[in-house]
Amino acid sequence: MNTLRIIYHLARADFLERIRRTSFLLMLGLVVWIGYLSASGQATISMGLHYFGVVNSAWVGAVMTLTVSMFLSIVGFYIVKGSVSRDYETGVGQIMATTPLNRPLYMLGKWLSNFAVLGILILIVLLEGIVMNLLADTAGFNLWALAAPLVLIALPCLALVAALAVLFESIHWLRGGLGNILYFFIYLAAMSTATGMTLQGTLSEANPYIDFTGWRFFNDSISRAGQAAYPELKTGISFGFPKVDVSGLFPDLLIGEPKYFLWTGATWTADMLLSRLVFLFASVGLVMASALFFDRFNPSRLLLFKRTKTESDVPKLAPATEAIPVSNVRLAPLTDIRSHFSFGALFLAELKLLLKGQRWWWYVIAALLAIGPLRVSIETARTLLLVAWVWPILLLSGLGCRENRFDTRQIVFSAPRPIANQLPAAWLSAFVVTVALGFGALVKFILLGETVGVLGWLCGVVFIPSLALFLGTLTGSGKAFEVIFVAWMYLLTQKAFALDFFAYLPNSRWYFYAPLALVLLAIAALARQRQLTAKSIAR
């Protein structure tokens, strides 16, 4: 009984600390908005271009479940990840390490806290769906059909996500930015496996024990209902905003009049229900495994670079002497500090801070990526440029939030004119690194007379540091930039024309991102000004 009380109070304290943060309130607002899009039918499931299910409780439940499980299974990881790291940074972990609290109990408490945060978001979406169903003119209201998918599919899915966040934090080299990036690619691979999509673009046999989001479960059931009503349908389901009018962007795309079919809900088989229990037990298993890797706040892990102290490292104590009174002490007159200020020195200091701690192999890979475009075709050069600009992501993610990460805000913010001096110097250091990594591609574009490539390159080297500074200043963490930028670049490789900011794709509107970079810099400056004028600078 005492063990349960320990877990409860640990999870409760961590949960209350999380929900009081501004980031949680922002995420809450985003989830409410996404739930509204799902319940109102703006974000929905379709078959083909214009085949939709009749809006009833079962249909709304399926749409909201896919929205929550697919959205929160990636974003939710980054929401809850960081609890263990926070205990390291605040010193709370070292206090708990002196108590009888063991590693499995600590990890269980963190998992339950993560699960509770994500569960609250699901509850809000469920309540929103109920209200929308009651107020809207839907084809009947069925609470079980609406709530069952969220409870039986979304909750076990997010339990697994909460456990993965704990596992990543228990392994010290996955605790930071590398873990954030790695999880994104793990998610893509898991989604590809769960949806059953093969390399040839065909569907493999459905397996509920790997279908953590419920995509194949709904795809098979809805497809059968759609094909029964319209035999000409040969495709599976797709998810997005198919009802949005895109004729202005794609005038050759003929969508046609929407056609509707009735879907009354999926049949819950024994295998499907058992697979949900398997995901829950797998979550607990991951939590127990994380306890094996957890170092229980070993002080040596707090040091970025560990070294063995020698006898010369230990400071020698000076013999005690009596205090000697000193009279007539005069301080040197304070001269105008502006006459000694050097922006160049500040820029070099920021550049050293940006590159500090990188090993020799990091520079070797960076050099290969920088000169690689000179020896390849123009198409391959653009791809190498994309990879080169992703390479320093863990460096650029510190822009605007390095002071918060290392608790040097009071020092940096008390310097003369930190917005006019320190902020531009930090941005310029990132700009130089971005230019250096893309130098080979720029030379390639110039030699081949690729005017659009040169202009897109210039837009890119301005936009990337601006985005990093904007996100770092606003969020106080590098996590947002790491996740968004990796996802951004991945979507570019998938031909997302709207996200092309450096003319990577043909006929893209990359030039929109040049003024956007200036807007992001202005917002970052305003956010820093707000931080400076705040009555107290708190974490």
Protein backbone atom coordinates (compact mmCIF):
# COMPACT_ATOMS: atom_id res chain seq x y z
CA MET A 1 0.00 0.00 0.00
CA ASN A 2 2.90 2.33 0.81
CA THR A 3 4.34 1.65 -2.67
CA LEU A 4 1.10 2.74 -4.33
CA ARG A 5 1.07 5.94 -2.26
CA ILE A 6 4.63 6.73 -3.35
CA ILE A 7 3.80 6.22 -7.02
CA TYR A 8 0.59 8.25 -6.70
CA HIS A 9 2.22 11.25 -5.03
CA LEU A 10 5.19 11.19 -7.42
CA ALA A 11 2.91 11.11 -10.46
CA ARG A 12 0.54 13.71 -8.98
CA ALA A 13 3.30 16.20 -8.16
CA ASP A 14 4.84 15.85 -11.61
CA PHE A 15 1.43 16.13 -13.31
CA LEU A 16 0.53 19.32 -11.43
CA GLU A 17 3.89 20.87 -12.29
CA ARG A 18 3.36 20.17 -16.00
CA ILE A 19 -0.17 21.52 -16.34
CA ARG A 20 0.86 24.84 -14.81
CA ARG A 21 3.30 25.51 -17.62
CA THR A 22 2.52 27.88 -20.48
CA SER A 23 3.55 25.24 -23.00
CA PHE A 24 0.81 22.93 -21.74
CA LEU A 25 -1.82 25.66 -22.11
CA LEU A 26 -0.66 26.32 -25.67
CA MET A 27 -0.87 22.62 -26.49
CA LEU A 28 -4.29 22.48 -24.86
CA GLY A 29 -5.51 25.23 -27.17
CA LEU A 30 -4.05 23.41 -30.18
CA VAL A 31 -5.76 20.14 -29.22
CA VAL A 32 -9.10 21.95 -28.76
CA TRP A 33 -8.73 23.45 -32.24
CA ILE A 34 -7.81 20.10 -33.79
CA GLY A 35 -10.74 18.45 -32.00
CA TYR A 36 -13.05 21.09 -33.43
CA LEU A 37 -11.75 20.48 -36.96
CA SER A 38 -12.38 16.76 -36.54
CA ALA A 39 -15.82 17.03 -34.95
CA SER A 40 -17.00 19.65 -37.45
CA GLY A 41 -15.92 17.58 -40.45
CA GLN A 42 -13.28 20.00 -41.74
CA ALA A 43 -10.59 17.38 -41.09
CA THR A 44 -12.09 14.06 -42.09
CA ILE A 45 -11.65 10.66 -43.68
CA SER A 46 -12.32 10.24 -47.39
CA MET A 47 -12.12 7.58 -50.05
CA GLY A 48 -10.82 8.80 -53.34
CA LEU A 49 -11.40 12.51 -53.84
CA HIS A 50 -15.06 12.91 -52.97
CA TYR A 51 -16.46 9.88 -51.14
CA PHE A 52 -17.30 10.50 -47.47
CA GLY A 53 -19.16 8.75 -44.69
CA VAL A 54 -22.42 10.09 -43.32
CA VAL A 55 -21.62 12.20 -40.26
CA ASN A 56 -22.83 10.18 -37.27
CA SER A 57 -21.34 9.29 -33.90
CA ALA A 58 -19.33 6.37 -35.28
CA TRP A 59 -17.87 8.48 -38.08
CA VAL A 60 -16.93 11.33 -35.75
CA GLY A 61 -15.38 8.84 -33.29
CA ALA A 62 -13.22 7.33 -36.04
CA VAL A 63 -12.09 10.73 -37.33
CA MET A 64 -11.25 12.02 -33.86
CA THR A 65 -9.43 8.80 -32.94
CA LEU A 66 -7.22 8.90 -36.01
CA THR A 67 -6.58 12.61 -35.43
CA VAL A 68 -5.57 12.09 -31.82
CA SER A 69 -3.58 8.86 -32.27
CA MET A 70 -1.64 10.13 -35.30
CA PHE A 71 -1.12 13.69 -34.04
CA LEU A 72 -0.35 13.01 -30.38
CA SER A 73 1.74 9.92 -31.07
CA ILE A 74 4.37 12.25 -32.50
CA VAL A 75 3.67 15.63 -30.87
CA GLY A 76 2.71 14.08 -27.53
CA PHE A 77 6.17 12.53 -27.20
CA TYR A 78 7.76 15.97 -27.26
CA ILE A 79 5.10 17.34 -24.89
CA VAL A 80 5.86 14.88 -22.10
CA LYS A 81 9.56 14.26 -22.72
CA GLY A 82 11.78 16.31 -20.41
CA SER A 83 10.48 15.46 -16.95
CA VAL A 84 13.56 13.47 -15.91
CA SER A 85 15.88 16.08 -17.43
CA ARG A 86 14.09 18.76 -15.43
CA ASP A 87 14.77 16.83 -12.22
CA TYR A 88 18.47 16.80 -13.18
CA GLU A 89 18.56 20.52 -13.91
CA THR A 90 16.61 21.67 -10.85
CA GLY A 91 18.43 19.40 -8.41
CA VAL A 92 15.19 17.68 -7.35
CA GLY A 93 16.54 14.38 -8.63
CA GLN A 94 19.56 14.54 -6.36
CA ILE A 95 17.24 15.06 -3.39
CA MET A 96 15.09 12.08 -4.39
CA ALA A 97 18.25 9.98 -4.87
CA THR A 98 18.91 10.29 -1.12
CA THR A 99 15.53 8.70 -0.33
CA PRO A 100 14.60 4.99 -0.45
CA LEU A 101 12.77 5.61 -3.75
CA ASN A 102 13.99 2.94 -6.19
CA ARG A 103 14.35 3.22 -9.95
CA PRO A 104 11.29 1.20 -11.05
CA LEU A 105 8.98 3.23 -8.80
CA TYR A 106 10.44 6.50 -10.05
CA MET A 107 10.01 5.45 -13.68
CA LEU A 108 6.45 4.25 -13.05
CA GLY A 109 5.59 7.59 -11.50
CA LYS A 110 7.00 9.45 -14.50
CA TRP A 111 5.12 7.19 -16.92
CA LEU A 112 1.82 7.70 -15.09
CA SER A 113 2.41 11.44 -15.13
CA ASN A 114 3.09 11.37 -18.89
CA PHE A 115 0.02 9.19 -19.44
CA ALA A 116 -2.16 11.50 -17.35
CA VAL A 117 -1.11 14.57 -19.35
CA LEU A 118 -1.90 12.87 -22.66
CA GLY A 119 -5.06 11.33 -21.22
CA ILE A 120 -6.37 14.77 -20.26
CA LEU A 121 -5.99 15.83 -23.88
CA ILE A 122 -7.99 12.79 -25.05
CA LEU A 123 -10.71 13.54 -22.50
CA ILE A 124 -11.00 17.09 -23.79
CA VAL A 125 -11.32 15.85 -27.37
CA LEU A 126 -13.99 13.36 -26.28
CA LEU A 127 -16.04 16.02 -24.49
CA GLU A 128 -15.68 18.28 -27.50
CA GLY A 129 -16.95 15.52 -29.78
CA ILE A 130 -19.96 14.89 -27.54
CA VAL A 131 -20.90 18.57 -27.50
CA MET A 132 -20.47 18.92 -31.27
CA ASN A 133 -22.60 15.80 -31.87
CA LEU A 134 -25.38 17.07 -29.65
CA LEU A 135 -25.40 20.55 -31.16
CA ALA A 136 -24.90 19.58 -34.80
CA ASP A 137 -27.43 17.89 -37.00
CA THR A 138 -25.85 14.44 -37.00
CA ALA A 139 -27.52 11.18 -37.91
CA GLY A 140 -28.24 10.07 -34.35
CA PHE A 141 -26.10 10.13 -31.20
CA ASN A 142 -24.43 6.99 -29.85
CA LEU A 143 -22.04 7.54 -26.94
CA TRP A 144 -20.43 4.10 -27.24
CA ALA A 145 -19.75 4.48 -30.96
CA LEU A 146 -18.17 7.88 -30.31
CA ALA A 147 -16.14 7.09 -27.18
CA ALA A 148 -15.07 3.46 -27.74
CA PRO A 149 -12.43 4.19 -30.43
CA LEU A 150 -10.85 6.94 -28.32
CA VAL A 151 -10.73 4.74 -25.22
CA LEU A 152 -9.76 1.43 -26.85
CA ILE A 153 -7.36 2.73 -29.52
CA ALA A 154 -6.09 6.22 -28.66
CA LEU A 155 -5.43 5.59 -24.94
CA PRO A 156 -3.22 2.47 -25.40
CA CYS A 157 -1.42 4.25 -28.24
CA LEU A 158 -0.57 7.21 -26.02
CA ALA A 159 0.37 4.90 -23.14
CA LEU A 160 3.03 3.51 -25.45
CA VAL A 161 4.17 7.02 -26.39
CA ALA A 162 4.41 7.99 -22.70
CA ALA A 163 6.54 4.89 -22.02
CA LEU A 164 8.86 5.67 -24.94
CA ALA A 165 9.38 9.17 -23.56
CA VAL A 166 10.45 7.66 -20.23
CA LEU A 167 12.75 5.17 -21.98
CA PHE A 168 14.45 7.90 -24.01
CA GLU A 169 15.04 9.96 -20.88
CA SER A 170 16.55 7.02 -19.03
CA ILE A 171 19.30 6.67 -21.66
CA HIS A 172 21.59 9.67 -21.28
CA TRP A 173 22.58 10.01 -24.96
CA LEU A 174 18.90 9.97 -26.02
CA ARG A 175 17.87 12.52 -23.41
CA GLY A 176 18.71 15.55 -25.55
CA GLY A 177 18.33 16.66 -29.14
CA LEU A 178 19.62 13.43 -30.66
CA GLY A 179 16.74 11.53 -29.08
CA ASN A 180 14.24 14.09 -30.37
CA ILE A 181 15.45 13.64 -33.93
CA LEU A 182 15.74 9.86 -33.68
CA TYR A 183 12.15 9.50 -32.43
CA PHE A 184 10.83 11.33 -35.49
CA PHE A 185 12.36 8.73 -37.82
CA ILE A 186 11.28 5.88 -35.53
CA TYR A 187 7.74 7.25 -35.76
CA LEU A 188 7.88 7.34 -39.57
CA ALA A 189 9.11 3.75 -39.71
CA ALA A 190 6.49 2.61 -37.20
CA MET A 191 3.69 4.36 -39.12
CA SER A 192 4.80 2.73 -42.36
CA THR A 193 4.75 -0.68 -40.67
CA ALA A 194 1.46 -0.06 -38.86
CA THR A 195 -0.40 1.06 -41.97
CA GLY A 196 0.86 -2.04 -43.78
CA MET A 197 2.28 -0.11 -46.74
CA THR A 198 4.96 -2.03 -48.63
CA LEU A 199 7.77 -0.62 -50.74
CA GLN A 200 5.68 -1.30 -53.84
CA GLY A 201 2.85 0.89 -52.51
CA THR A 202 0.48 -2.01 -51.83
CA LEU A 203 -1.13 -3.01 -48.54
CA SER A 204 0.18 -6.01 -46.67
CA GLU A 205 -2.01 -8.24 -44.50
CA ALA A 206 -3.54 -6.36 -41.56
CA ASN A 207 -1.97 -7.08 -38.16
CA PRO A 208 -3.70 -5.47 -35.13
CA TYR A 209 -0.63 -6.09 -32.95
CA ILE A 210 1.40 -3.49 -34.86
CA ASP A 211 -1.49 -1.17 -35.75
CA PHE A 212 -0.91 1.20 -32.81
CA THR A 213 -2.86 4.14 -34.33
CA GLY A 214 -5.81 2.05 -35.55
CA TRP A 215 -5.31 3.11 -39.17
CA ARG A 216 -5.66 -0.37 -40.71
CA PHE A 217 -8.56 -1.18 -38.39
CA PHE A 218 -10.59 1.78 -39.67
CA ASN A 219 -9.31 1.48 -43.23
CA ASP A 220 -10.56 -2.08 -43.66
CA SER A 221 -13.94 -1.42 -42.05
CA ILE A 222 -14.68 1.89 -43.78
CA SER A 223 -13.42 0.62 -47.15
CA ARG A 224 -15.85 -2.30 -47.03
CA ALA A 225 -18.75 0.06 -46.31
CA GLY A 226 -17.71 2.47 -49.07
CA GLN A 227 -17.22 -0.26 -51.67
CA ALA A 228 -20.58 -1.80 -50.78
CA ALA A 229 -22.30 1.51 -51.58
CA TYR A 230 -20.08 2.40 -54.55
CA PRO A 231 -18.55 -0.68 -56.22
CA GLU A 232 -16.33 1.51 -58.41
CA LEU A 233 -14.27 2.46 -55.34
CA LYS A 234 -10.95 0.60 -55.35
CA THR A 235 -8.90 2.75 -52.97
CA GLY A 236 -8.50 2.81 -49.20
CA ILE A 237 -9.09 5.72 -46.89
CA SER A 238 -7.11 8.94 -46.72
CA PHE A 239 -7.07 11.51 -43.95
CA GLY A 240 -6.80 15.27 -44.20
CA PHE A 241 -8.80 18.25 -45.42
CA PRO A 242 -10.43 16.95 -48.62
CA LYS A 243 -13.39 19.34 -48.40
CA VAL A 244 -11.21 22.44 -48.67
CA ASP A 245 -11.58 24.26 -51.98
CA VAL A 246 -8.17 24.03 -53.70
CA SER A 247 -9.31 24.93 -57.19
CA GLY A 248 -7.42 28.21 -57.01
CA LEU A 249 -4.14 26.41 -56.33
CA PHE A 250 -4.76 23.42 -58.59
CA PRO A 251 -7.11 24.50 -61.41
CA ASP A 252 -6.67 21.19 -63.26
CA LEU A 253 -7.88 19.14 -60.29
CA LEU A 254 -11.52 18.12 -60.72
CA ILE A 255 -12.97 17.02 -57.40
CA GLY A 256 -16.64 16.67 -58.30
CA GLU A 257 -19.71 16.54 -56.11
CA PRO A 258 -19.28 14.75 -52.77
CA LYS A 259 -20.90 11.33 -52.41
CA TYR A 260 -21.84 9.81 -49.06
CA PHE A 261 -22.16 6.29 -47.71
CA LEU A 262 -23.31 4.99 -44.34
CA TRP A 263 -20.76 3.56 -41.89
CA THR A 264 -22.19 2.47 -38.55
CA GLY A 265 -18.94 1.63 -36.83
CA ALA A 266 -16.30 -1.09 -36.75
CA THR A 267 -16.69 -4.57 -35.33
CA TRP A 268 -14.52 -5.05 -32.26
CA THR A 269 -12.90 -8.46 -32.69
CA ALA A 270 -11.14 -10.44 -29.96
CA ASP A 271 -7.78 -9.91 -31.70
CA MET A 272 -8.31 -6.16 -31.80
CA LEU A 273 -9.21 -5.95 -28.10
CA LEU A 274 -6.33 -8.25 -27.13
CA SER A 275 -3.89 -6.12 -29.16
CA ARG A 276 -4.87 -3.09 -27.08
CA LEU A 277 -3.96 -4.98 -23.91
CA VAL A 278 -0.68 -6.01 -25.51
CA PHE A 279 0.17 -2.34 -26.11
CA LEU A 280 -0.61 -1.52 -22.47
CA PHE A 281 1.58 -4.37 -21.20
CA ALA A 282 4.31 -3.36 -23.66
CA SER A 283 4.19 0.13 -22.20
CA VAL A 284 4.73 -1.20 -18.69
CA GLY A 285 7.53 -3.41 -20.01
CA LEU A 286 9.27 -0.41 -21.56
CA VAL A 287 9.00 1.45 -18.26
CA MET A 288 10.58 -1.47 -16.40
CA ALA A 289 13.32 -1.66 -19.05
CA SER A 290 14.00 2.04 -18.66
CA ALA A 291 14.73 1.45 -14.97
CA LEU A 292 17.67 -0.73 -16.04
CA PHE A 293 19.25 2.15 -17.97
CA PHE A 294 18.43 4.89 -15.47
CA ASP A 295 21.51 6.08 -13.57
CA ARG A 296 19.48 7.34 -10.57
CA PHE A 297 20.91 10.84 -10.82
CA ASN A 298 24.55 9.85 -10.80
CA PRO A 299 26.44 13.15 -10.37
CA SER A 300 28.95 12.17 -13.07
CA ARG A 301 26.13 12.36 -15.64
CA LEU A 302 25.68 16.04 -14.89
CA LEU A 303 29.03 16.83 -16.45
CA LEU A 304 29.12 17.27 -20.19
CA PHE A 305 32.76 16.32 -20.34
CA LYS A 306 34.10 14.04 -17.63
CA ARG A 307 37.72 13.88 -16.72
CA THR A 308 39.65 12.26 -13.90
CA LYS A 309 40.96 14.67 -11.34
CA THR A 310 44.65 14.56 -10.67
CA GLU A 311 46.43 15.87 -7.65
CA SER A 312 47.22 19.12 -9.47
CA ASP A 313 43.49 19.62 -10.14
CA VAL A 314 42.72 19.87 -6.43
CA PRO A 315 43.11 23.45 -5.23
CA LYS A 316 45.56 23.88 -2.41
CA LEU A 317 44.23 25.58 0.68
CA ALA A 318 46.07 28.73 1.67
CA PRO A 319 47.11 29.03 5.31
CA ALA A 320 44.76 31.06 7.41
CA THR A 321 45.98 34.58 8.18
CA GLU A 322 44.57 37.45 10.13
CA ALA A 323 42.61 40.09 8.26
CA ILE A 324 44.64 43.23 7.52
CA PRO A 325 42.59 46.42 7.49
CA VAL A 326 43.00 48.54 4.36
CA SER A 327 42.19 52.22 4.42
CA ASN A 328 41.70 54.85 1.73
CA VAL A 329 40.49 52.41 -0.92
CA ARG A 330 39.70 54.18 -4.18
CA LEU A 331 38.02 52.67 -7.19
CA ALA A 332 39.17 53.53 -10.69
CA PRO A 333 36.78 55.90 -12.48
CA LEU A 334 34.23 54.20 -14.72
CA THR A 335 34.84 55.20 -18.31
CA ASP A 336 32.34 55.00 -21.15
CA ILE A 337 31.97 51.27 -21.81
CA ARG A 338 30.69 51.93 -25.30
CA SER A 339 34.15 53.00 -26.40
CA HIS A 340 35.48 49.51 -25.54
CA PHE A 341 32.65 47.51 -27.11
CA SER A 342 33.54 45.39 -30.14
CA PHE A 343 30.77 43.67 -32.06
CA GLY A 344 33.37 41.52 -33.81
CA ALA A 345 34.61 40.15 -30.49
CA LEU A 346 31.04 39.43 -29.42
CA PHE A 347 30.35 37.66 -32.73
CA LEU A 348 33.48 35.49 -32.36
CA ALA A 349 32.43 34.60 -28.82
CA GLU A 350 28.97 33.56 -30.04
CA LEU A 351 30.52 31.52 -32.86
CA LYS A 352 32.81 29.73 -30.40
CA LEU A 353 29.83 28.99 -28.15
CA LEU A 354 27.89 27.64 -31.13
CA LEU A 355 30.68 25.27 -32.17
CA LYS A 356 31.91 24.41 -28.68
CA GLY A 357 32.21 20.72 -27.91
CA GLN A 358 32.11 19.34 -31.46
CA ARG A 359 34.48 16.44 -32.13
CA TRP A 360 36.87 16.22 -35.11
CA TRP A 361 34.60 13.81 -36.99
CA TRP A 362 31.78 16.37 -36.89
CA TYR A 363 33.97 18.83 -38.81
CA VAL A 364 35.07 16.12 -41.26
CA ILE A 365 31.47 15.26 -42.14
CA ALA A 366 30.58 18.95 -42.34
CA ALA A 367 33.47 19.55 -44.75
CA LEU A 368 32.43 16.61 -46.95
CA LEU A 369 28.85 17.89 -47.07
CA ALA A 370 30.08 21.40 -47.91
CA ILE A 371 32.32 20.39 -50.83
CA GLY A 372 30.27 17.39 -51.98
CA PRO A 373 27.95 19.37 -54.34
CA LEU A 374 30.94 20.43 -56.46
CA ARG A 375 31.45 16.90 -57.86
CA VAL A 376 27.86 15.74 -58.45
CA SER A 377 24.90 16.59 -60.66
CA ILE A 378 22.69 19.60 -59.94
CA GLU A 379 19.85 17.41 -58.60
CA THR A 380 22.18 15.57 -56.25
CA ALA A 381 23.75 18.89 -55.22
CA ARG A 382 20.36 20.15 -54.02
CA THR A 383 19.86 16.98 -51.99
CA LEU A 384 23.33 17.30 -50.44
CA LEU A 385 22.54 20.93 -49.63
CA LEU A 386 19.42 19.80 -47.78
CA VAL A 387 21.43 17.23 -45.80
CA ALA A 388 24.18 19.77 -45.09
CA TRP A 389 21.70 22.21 -43.59
CA VAL A 390 20.19 19.50 -41.40
CA TRP A 391 23.63 18.47 -40.09
CA PRO A 392 24.09 21.38 -37.60
CA ILE A 393 20.54 21.14 -36.25
CA LEU A 394 21.66 20.41 -32.68
CA LEU A 395 23.87 23.50 -32.80
CA LEU A 396 21.24 25.83 -34.23
CA SER A 397 18.60 24.63 -31.79
CA GLY A 398 20.45 26.48 -29.03
CA LEU A 399 19.79 29.89 -30.58
CA GLY A 400 17.65 32.05 -28.35
CA CYS A 401 17.45 29.46 -25.57
CA ARG A 402 21.08 28.79 -24.68
CA GLU A 403 20.77 31.27 -21.81
CA ASN A 404 17.80 29.35 -20.45
CA ARG A 405 19.49 25.97 -20.88
CA PHE A 406 22.66 26.93 -18.96
CA ASP A 407 20.96 29.37 -16.56
CA THR A 408 22.98 32.39 -17.71
CA ARG A 409 19.98 34.65 -18.32
CA GLN A 410 20.86 37.09 -15.55
CA ILE A 411 24.38 37.53 -16.93
CA VAL A 412 23.44 37.86 -20.59
CA PHE A 413 20.37 40.01 -20.07
CA SER A 414 22.22 42.42 -17.78
CA ALA A 415 24.78 43.22 -20.50
CA PRO A 416 24.42 46.55 -22.33
CA ARG A 417 21.78 46.44 -25.08
CA PRO A 418 21.36 42.62 -25.31
CA ILE A 419 18.78 42.94 -28.10
CA ALA A 420 20.87 45.22 -30.30
CA ASN A 421 24.16 43.42 -29.56
CA GLN A 422 23.82 39.83 -28.39
CA LEU A 423 20.81 38.77 -30.44
CA PRO A 424 22.26 39.86 -33.83
CA ALA A 425 25.62 38.32 -32.93
CA ALA A 426 23.96 34.99 -32.13
CA TRP A 427 21.99 35.09 -35.38
CA LEU A 428 25.11 36.01 -37.38
CA SER A 429 27.09 33.10 -35.92
CA ALA A 430 24.38 30.68 -37.08
CA PHE A 431 24.25 32.45 -40.44
CA VAL A 432 27.99 31.90 -40.94
CA VAL A 433 27.72 28.18 -40.11
CA THR A 434 24.80 27.80 -42.52
CA VAL A 435 26.74 29.63 -45.25
CA ALA A 436 29.83 27.49 -44.71
CA LEU A 437 27.90 24.23 -44.97
CA GLY A 438 26.15 25.38 -48.14
CA PHE A 439 29.17 26.98 -49.81
CA GLY A 440 29.81 24.15 -52.26
CA ALA A 441 26.21 24.21 -53.50
CA LEU A 442 26.42 27.98 -54.00
CA VAL A 443 29.53 27.63 -56.15
CA LYS A 444 27.79 24.87 -58.12
CA PHE A 445 24.77 27.09 -58.80
CA ILE A 446 26.98 30.01 -59.88
CA LEU A 447 29.08 27.89 -62.24
CA LEU A 448 25.98 26.45 -63.90
CA GLY A 449 24.24 29.81 -64.13
CA GLU A 450 21.39 28.69 -61.83
CA THR A 451 20.04 32.13 -60.91
CA VAL A 452 17.01 30.71 -59.11
CA GLY A 453 19.26 28.31 -57.23
CA VAL A 454 21.49 31.17 -56.05
CA LEU A 455 18.55 33.30 -54.94
CA GLY A 456 16.93 30.33 -53.21
CA TRP A 457 20.24 29.58 -51.49
CA LEU A 458 20.40 33.16 -50.18
CA CYS A 459 16.85 32.87 -48.93
CA GLY A 460 17.71 29.61 -47.16
CA VAL A 461 20.78 30.90 -45.31
CA VAL A 462 18.67 33.76 -43.96
CA PHE A 463 15.55 31.78 -43.13
CA ILE A 464 17.14 28.86 -41.23
CA PRO A 465 18.86 30.95 -38.49
CA SER A 466 15.78 33.17 -38.26
CA LEU A 467 13.52 30.17 -37.68
CA ALA A 468 15.90 28.74 -35.07
CA LEU A 469 16.15 32.06 -33.22
CA PHE A 470 12.39 32.59 -33.38
CA LEU A 471 11.51 29.16 -31.95
CA GLY A 472 14.29 29.19 -29.36
CA THR A 473 13.38 32.63 -28.03
CA LEU A 474 9.66 31.94 -27.87
CA THR A 475 9.78 28.45 -26.36
CA GLY A 476 12.93 28.69 -24.25
CA SER A 477 13.96 25.26 -25.56
CA GLY A 478 15.66 23.80 -28.62
CA LYS A 479 13.14 20.96 -28.84
CA ALA A 480 10.70 22.86 -31.05
CA PHE A 481 13.30 23.68 -33.70
CA GLU A 482 14.74 20.16 -33.69
CA VAL A 483 11.35 18.59 -34.31
CA ILE A 484 9.91 21.15 -36.72
CA PHE A 485 13.03 21.51 -38.85
CA VAL A 486 13.58 17.77 -39.29
CA ALA A 487 9.91 17.29 -40.18
CA TRP A 488 10.11 20.28 -42.52
CA MET A 489 13.09 18.90 -44.42
CA TYR A 490 11.56 15.43 -44.58
CA LEU A 491 8.36 16.84 -46.09
CA LEU A 492 10.48 18.66 -48.66
CA THR A 493 11.84 15.31 -49.82
CA GLN A 494 8.20 14.23 -50.17
CA LYS A 495 7.50 17.13 -52.59
CA ALA A 496 5.76 19.48 -50.15
CA PHE A 497 5.95 22.54 -52.43
CA ALA A 498 4.48 24.93 -49.87
CA LEU A 499 7.42 24.32 -47.51
CA ASP A 500 10.19 24.92 -50.06
CA PHE A 501 12.23 27.88 -48.80
CA PHE A 502 15.41 27.45 -50.91
CA ALA A 503 14.21 26.45 -54.41
CA TYR A 504 14.73 22.76 -53.73
CA LEU A 505 11.72 21.85 -55.89
CA PRO A 506 10.90 23.23 -59.33
CA ASN A 507 8.34 26.05 -59.59
CA SER A 508 8.22 26.54 -55.82
CA ARG A 509 7.39 29.86 -54.19
CA TRP A 510 10.57 30.05 -52.15
CA TYR A 511 10.64 33.88 -52.32
CA PHE A 512 7.83 34.12 -49.76
CA TYR A 513 10.26 32.98 -47.08
CA ALA A 514 12.61 35.97 -47.37
CA PRO A 515 10.10 38.46 -45.85
CA LEU A 516 8.94 35.72 -43.47
CA ALA A 517 12.49 35.50 -42.11
CA LEU A 518 12.38 39.22 -41.28
CA VAL A 519 9.03 38.77 -39.54
CA LEU A 520 10.43 35.92 -37.45
CA LEU A 521 13.42 38.05 -36.43
CA ALA A 522 11.12 40.89 -35.40
CA ILE A 523 8.99 38.56 -33.29
CA ALA A 524 12.12 37.09 -31.69
CA ALA A 525 13.31 40.60 -30.78
CA LEU A 526 9.92 41.46 -29.28
CA ALA A 527 9.92 38.22 -27.29
CA ARG A 528 13.40 38.98 -25.95
CA GLN A 529 12.29 42.51 -25.06
CA ARG A 530 9.39 41.05 -23.10
CA GLN A 531 11.80 38.76 -21.26
CA LEU A 532 14.00 41.71 -20.38
CA THR A 533 11.16 43.85 -19.08
CA ALA A 534 9.58 41.06 -17.03
CA LYS A 535 9.61 41.70 -13.31
CA SER A 536 11.30 38.37 -12.69
CA ILE A 537 13.15 36.05 -15.01
CA ALA A 538 11.96 32.62 -14.03
CA ARG A 539 12.54 29.27 -15.60
